[in-house]
Amino acid sequence: MPTEKQVLGENGELLVIKNCSCPKCKKTHTLKRLPPNFKCADIICDFCGYIAQVKTTSSKDINSLPSKIIGAAWNVQKDRIDSSIYIPLFIVLYKSKLEFGIYYLSADLQVPELFVPRTPLSGTAHRAGWQGFMYDLSKLKVNSIIRLK
């Protein structure tokens, strides 16, 4: 049984797939979900191979981006940053199935300061030692993120 956060994330991915064209090839209806736990990517264009991450957060105001969004596993992300590999990011602000905002941040506008490591989980946690990160959107230049929907 998926958790509430997993359902929210799945809803965001489905909204991007349904409402967005591929940013690379511009084709419609070609974005597809990747398998769960695929590292640092959630969707792929089945025409050109473009991949992107989707982050979804509940929001009462779909017109204003929060200053921070929860990311995923820090070690994987840090390895990519160290190799200068950035994955494009869709941000979905979710109020309801009918009220949502979809925003986009291309890979070339991302900076290392965007990614802020979180404190590792304690030794008594279910996933002891696991470390996540936050996207600190305040570290981006103005107008780096565009609204698509």
C-alpha atoms as a PDB file:
ATOM      1  CA  MET A   1       0.000   0.000   0.000  1.00  0.00           C
ATOM      2  CA  PRO A   2       1.633   3.297  -1.071  1.00  0.00           C
ATOM      3  CA  THR A   3       2.070   6.083   1.460  1.00  0.00           C
ATOM      4  CA  GLU A   4       0.311   9.444   1.144  1.00  0.00           C
ATOM      5  CA  LYS A   5       3.580  11.023  -0.082  1.00  0.00           C
ATOM      6  CA  GLN A   6       4.071   8.298  -2.684  1.00  0.00           C
ATOM      7  CA  VAL A   7       0.526   8.878  -3.971  1.00  0.00           C
ATOM      8  CA  LEU A   8       1.217  12.631  -4.124  1.00  0.00           C
ATOM      9  CA  GLY A   9       4.429  11.994  -6.091  1.00  0.00           C
ATOM     10  CA  GLU A  10       2.662   9.649  -8.488  1.00  0.00           C
ATOM     11  CA  ASN A  11      -0.098  12.234  -9.031  1.00  0.00           C
ATOM     12  CA  GLY A  12       2.544  14.847  -9.894  1.00  0.00           C
ATOM     13  CA  GLU A  13       4.265  12.566 -12.388  1.00  0.00           C
ATOM     14  CA  LEU A  14       0.941  11.754 -14.057  1.00  0.00           C
ATOM     15  CA  LEU A  15       0.050  15.466 -14.281  1.00  0.00           C
ATOM     16  CA  VAL A  16       3.376  16.234 -15.998  1.00  0.00           C
ATOM     17  CA  ILE A  17       2.911  13.336 -18.429  1.00  0.00           C
ATOM     18  CA  LYS A  18      -0.643  14.388 -19.258  1.00  0.00           C
ATOM     19  CA  ASN A  19      -0.075  18.155 -19.510  1.00  0.00           C
ATOM     20  CA  CYS A  20       3.464  18.652 -20.831  1.00  0.00           C
ATOM     21  CA  SER A  21       5.292  18.104 -24.087  1.00  0.00           C
ATOM     22  CA  CYS A  22       8.861  16.855 -24.107  1.00  0.00           C
ATOM     23  CA  PRO A  23      11.108  19.906 -23.511  1.00  0.00           C
ATOM     24  CA  LYS A  24      13.748  18.459 -25.863  1.00  0.00           C
ATOM     25  CA  CYS A  25      11.906  17.145 -28.942  1.00  0.00           C
ATOM     26  CA  LYS A  26       8.623  19.037 -28.324  1.00  0.00           C
ATOM     27  CA  LYS A  27       6.504  15.974 -29.087  1.00  0.00           C
ATOM     28  CA  THR A  28       3.269  15.510 -27.156  1.00  0.00           C
ATOM     29  CA  HIS A  29       2.224  12.349 -25.331  1.00  0.00           C
ATOM     30  CA  THR A  30       5.741  10.895 -25.360  1.00  0.00           C
ATOM     31  CA  LEU A  31       6.623  11.388 -21.673  1.00  0.00           C
ATOM     32  CA  LYS A  32       6.367   8.143 -19.696  1.00  0.00           C
ATOM     33  CA  ARG A  33       7.013   7.170 -16.087  1.00  0.00           C
ATOM     34  CA  LEU A  34      10.237   5.351 -15.226  1.00  0.00           C
ATOM     35  CA  PRO A  35      10.148   2.420 -12.761  1.00  0.00           C
ATOM     36  CA  PRO A  36       9.957   3.337  -9.056  1.00  0.00           C
ATOM     37  CA  ASN A  37      13.328   4.046  -7.399  1.00  0.00           C
ATOM     38  CA  PHE A  38      15.046   4.867 -10.695  1.00  0.00           C
ATOM     39  CA  LYS A  39      17.931   7.093  -9.524  1.00  0.00           C
ATOM     40  CA  CYS A  40      17.385  10.860  -9.929  1.00  0.00           C
ATOM     41  CA  ALA A  41      14.786  10.607 -12.706  1.00  0.00           C
ATOM     42  CA  ASP A  42      11.059   9.937 -12.854  1.00  0.00           C
ATOM     43  CA  ILE A  43      10.045  10.390 -16.491  1.00  0.00           C
ATOM     44  CA  ILE A  44      11.488   9.687 -19.926  1.00  0.00           C
ATOM     45  CA  CYS A  45      10.499  10.680 -23.449  1.00  0.00           C
ATOM     46  CA  ASP A  46       9.973   7.459 -25.345  1.00  0.00           C
ATOM     47  CA  PHE A  47      10.867   9.243 -28.586  1.00  0.00           C
ATOM     48  CA  CYS A  48      14.119  11.112 -27.860  1.00  0.00           C
ATOM     49  CA  GLY A  49      15.264   9.632 -24.518  1.00  0.00           C
ATOM     50  CA  TYR A  50      15.028  12.908 -22.547  1.00  0.00           C
ATOM     51  CA  ILE A  51      14.819  12.270 -18.782  1.00  0.00           C
ATOM     52  CA  ALA A  52      13.641  14.512 -15.937  1.00  0.00           C
ATOM     53  CA  GLN A  53      12.944  14.506 -12.236  1.00  0.00           C
ATOM     54  CA  VAL A  54       9.467  15.395 -10.918  1.00  0.00           C
ATOM     55  CA  LYS A  55       9.000  16.798  -7.424  1.00  0.00           C
ATOM     56  CA  THR A  56       5.474  17.285  -6.138  1.00  0.00           C
ATOM     57  CA  THR A  57       4.418  19.180  -3.049  1.00  0.00           C
ATOM     58  CA  SER A  58       1.022  19.994  -1.602  1.00  0.00           C
ATOM     59  CA  SER A  59       0.257  23.684  -1.830  1.00  0.00           C
ATOM     60  CA  LYS A  60      -2.561  26.043  -0.922  1.00  0.00           C
ATOM     61  CA  ASP A  61      -1.138  28.607  -3.370  1.00  0.00           C
ATOM     62  CA  ILE A  62      -0.235  27.055  -6.724  1.00  0.00           C
ATOM     63  CA  ASN A  63       0.967  30.447  -7.993  1.00  0.00           C
ATOM     64  CA  SER A  64       3.927  30.800  -5.611  1.00  0.00           C
ATOM     65  CA  LEU A  65       6.848  28.425  -5.439  1.00  0.00           C
ATOM     66  CA  PRO A  66       8.060  27.504  -1.953  1.00  0.00           C
ATOM     67  CA  SER A  67      11.624  28.452  -1.076  1.00  0.00           C
ATOM     68  CA  LYS A  68      12.544  24.796  -0.460  1.00  0.00           C
ATOM     69  CA  ILE A  69      11.396  21.410  -1.748  1.00  0.00           C
ATOM     70  CA  ILE A  70      12.376  17.997  -0.421  1.00  0.00           C
ATOM     71  CA  GLY A  71      14.737  16.153  -2.765  1.00  0.00           C
ATOM     72  CA  ALA A  72      15.796  12.516  -2.621  1.00  0.00           C
ATOM     73  CA  ALA A  73      19.027  10.616  -1.856  1.00  0.00           C
ATOM     74  CA  TRP A  74      21.972  12.942  -1.275  1.00  0.00           C
ATOM     75  CA  ASN A  75      24.803  10.527  -2.148  1.00  0.00           C
ATOM     76  CA  VAL A  76      23.462   9.873  -5.644  1.00  0.00           C
ATOM     77  CA  GLN A  77      22.784  13.571  -6.219  1.00  0.00           C
ATOM     78  CA  LYS A  78      26.227  14.593  -4.925  1.00  0.00           C
ATOM     79  CA  ASP A  79      27.927  12.130  -7.293  1.00  0.00           C
ATOM     80  CA  ARG A  80      26.050  13.725 -10.195  1.00  0.00           C
ATOM     81  CA  ILE A  81      26.877  17.264  -9.064  1.00  0.00           C
ATOM     82  CA  ASP A  82      30.562  16.316  -8.724  1.00  0.00           C
ATOM     83  CA  SER A  83      30.409  15.033 -12.311  1.00  0.00           C
ATOM     84  CA  SER A  84      28.562  18.191 -13.479  1.00  0.00           C
ATOM     85  CA  ILE A  85      25.493  16.157 -14.386  1.00  0.00           C
ATOM     86  CA  TYR A  86      22.215  17.917 -13.681  1.00  0.00           C
ATOM     87  CA  ILE A  87      18.775  16.472 -14.350  1.00  0.00           C
ATOM     88  CA  PRO A  88      15.967  18.794 -15.513  1.00  0.00           C
ATOM     89  CA  LEU A  89      13.302  19.289 -12.859  1.00  0.00           C
ATOM     90  CA  PHE A  90       9.529  19.589 -13.034  1.00  0.00           C
ATOM     91  CA  ILE A  91       7.956  20.985  -9.868  1.00  0.00           C
ATOM     92  CA  VAL A  92       4.272  20.279  -9.336  1.00  0.00           C
ATOM     93  CA  LEU A  93       2.376  22.342  -6.784  1.00  0.00           C
ATOM     94  CA  TYR A  94      -0.663  20.244  -6.009  1.00  0.00           C
ATOM     95  CA  LYS A  95      -3.874  21.580  -4.502  1.00  0.00           C
ATOM     96  CA  SER A  96      -6.276  19.100  -6.122  1.00  0.00           C
ATOM     97  CA  LYS A  97      -6.652  17.076  -9.325  1.00  0.00           C
ATOM     98  CA  LEU A  98      -8.135  20.186 -10.924  1.00  0.00           C
ATOM     99  CA  GLU A  99      -5.961  22.810  -9.227  1.00  0.00           C
ATOM    100  CA  PHE A 100      -2.225  22.464  -9.718  1.00  0.00           C
ATOM    101  CA  GLY A 101       0.762  24.319 -11.116  1.00  0.00           C
ATOM    102  CA  ILE A 102       3.583  22.785 -13.148  1.00  0.00           C
ATOM    103  CA  TYR A 103       6.946  24.540 -13.185  1.00  0.00           C
ATOM    104  CA  TYR A 104      10.159  23.659 -15.010  1.00  0.00           C
ATOM    105  CA  LEU A 105      13.859  24.149 -14.239  1.00  0.00           C
ATOM    106  CA  SER A 106      16.244  23.146 -17.012  1.00  0.00           C
ATOM    107  CA  ALA A 107      19.489  21.381 -16.186  1.00  0.00           C
ATOM    108  CA  ASP A 108      21.684  24.194 -17.527  1.00  0.00           C
ATOM    109  CA  LEU A 109      20.246  26.710 -15.033  1.00  0.00           C
ATOM    110  CA  GLN A 110      20.934  24.550 -11.968  1.00  0.00           C
ATOM    111  CA  VAL A 111      23.816  25.399  -9.642  1.00  0.00           C
ATOM    112  CA  PRO A 112      25.465  23.290  -6.917  1.00  0.00           C
ATOM    113  CA  GLU A 113      24.086  25.643  -4.231  1.00  0.00           C
ATOM    114  CA  LEU A 114      20.555  24.549  -5.186  1.00  0.00           C
ATOM    115  CA  PHE A 115      21.182  21.204  -3.465  1.00  0.00           C
ATOM    116  CA  VAL A 116      21.411  21.305   0.337  1.00  0.00           C
ATOM    117  CA  PRO A 117      22.215  18.051   2.191  1.00  0.00           C
ATOM    118  CA  ARG A 118      19.968  17.136   5.096  1.00  0.00           C
ATOM    119  CA  THR A 119      21.114  15.561   8.356  1.00  0.00           C
ATOM    120  CA  PRO A 120      21.514  11.779   8.008  1.00  0.00           C
ATOM    121  CA  LEU A 121      18.856   9.654   9.699  1.00  0.00           C
ATOM    122  CA  SER A 122      19.701   8.538  13.234  1.00  0.00           C
ATOM    123  CA  GLY A 123      21.035   5.101  14.053  1.00  0.00           C
ATOM    124  CA  THR A 124      17.642   4.040  15.373  1.00  0.00           C
ATOM    125  CA  ALA A 125      15.750   5.032  12.208  1.00  0.00           C
ATOM    126  CA  HIS A 126      14.386   2.390   9.836  1.00  0.00           C
ATOM    127  CA  ARG A 127      16.883   3.544   7.185  1.00  0.00           C
ATOM    128  CA  ALA A 128      19.690   4.506   9.582  1.00  0.00           C
ATOM    129  CA  GLY A 129      22.370   6.716   8.024  1.00  0.00           C
ATOM    130  CA  TRP A 130      20.353   7.502   4.893  1.00  0.00           C
ATOM    131  CA  GLN A 131      20.763  11.132   3.869  1.00  0.00           C
ATOM    132  CA  GLY A 132      18.468  13.212   1.733  1.00  0.00           C
ATOM    133  CA  PHE A 133      18.703  16.758   0.436  1.00  0.00           C
ATOM    134  CA  MET A 134      16.565  19.827  -0.123  1.00  0.00           C
ATOM    135  CA  TYR A 135      16.229  21.927  -3.247  1.00  0.00           C
ATOM    136  CA  ASP A 136      16.822  25.512  -2.062  1.00  0.00           C
ATOM    137  CA  LEU A 137      15.041  27.447  -4.803  1.00  0.00           C
ATOM    138  CA  SER A 138      16.210  30.774  -3.334  1.00  0.00           C
ATOM    139  CA  LYS A 139      19.706  29.988  -4.672  1.00  0.00           C
ATOM    140  CA  LEU A 140      18.555  30.285  -8.292  1.00  0.00           C
ATOM    141  CA  LYS A 141      18.714  33.373 -10.468  1.00  0.00           C
ATOM    142  CA  VAL A 142      15.434  35.207 -10.921  1.00  0.00           C
ATOM    143  CA  ASN A 143      13.279  33.717 -13.692  1.00  0.00           C
ATOM    144  CA  SER A 144      15.243  30.435 -13.800  1.00  0.00           C
ATOM    145  CA  ILE A 145      12.050  28.488 -13.220  1.00  0.00           C
ATOM    146  CA  ILE A 146       9.224  28.863 -15.712  1.00  0.00           C
ATOM    147  CA  ARG A 147       5.572  27.990 -15.256  1.00  0.00           C
ATOM    148  CA  LEU A 148       4.212  25.566 -17.835  1.00  0.00           C
ATOM    149  CA  LYS A 149       0.657  25.094 -16.524  1.00  0.00           C
END
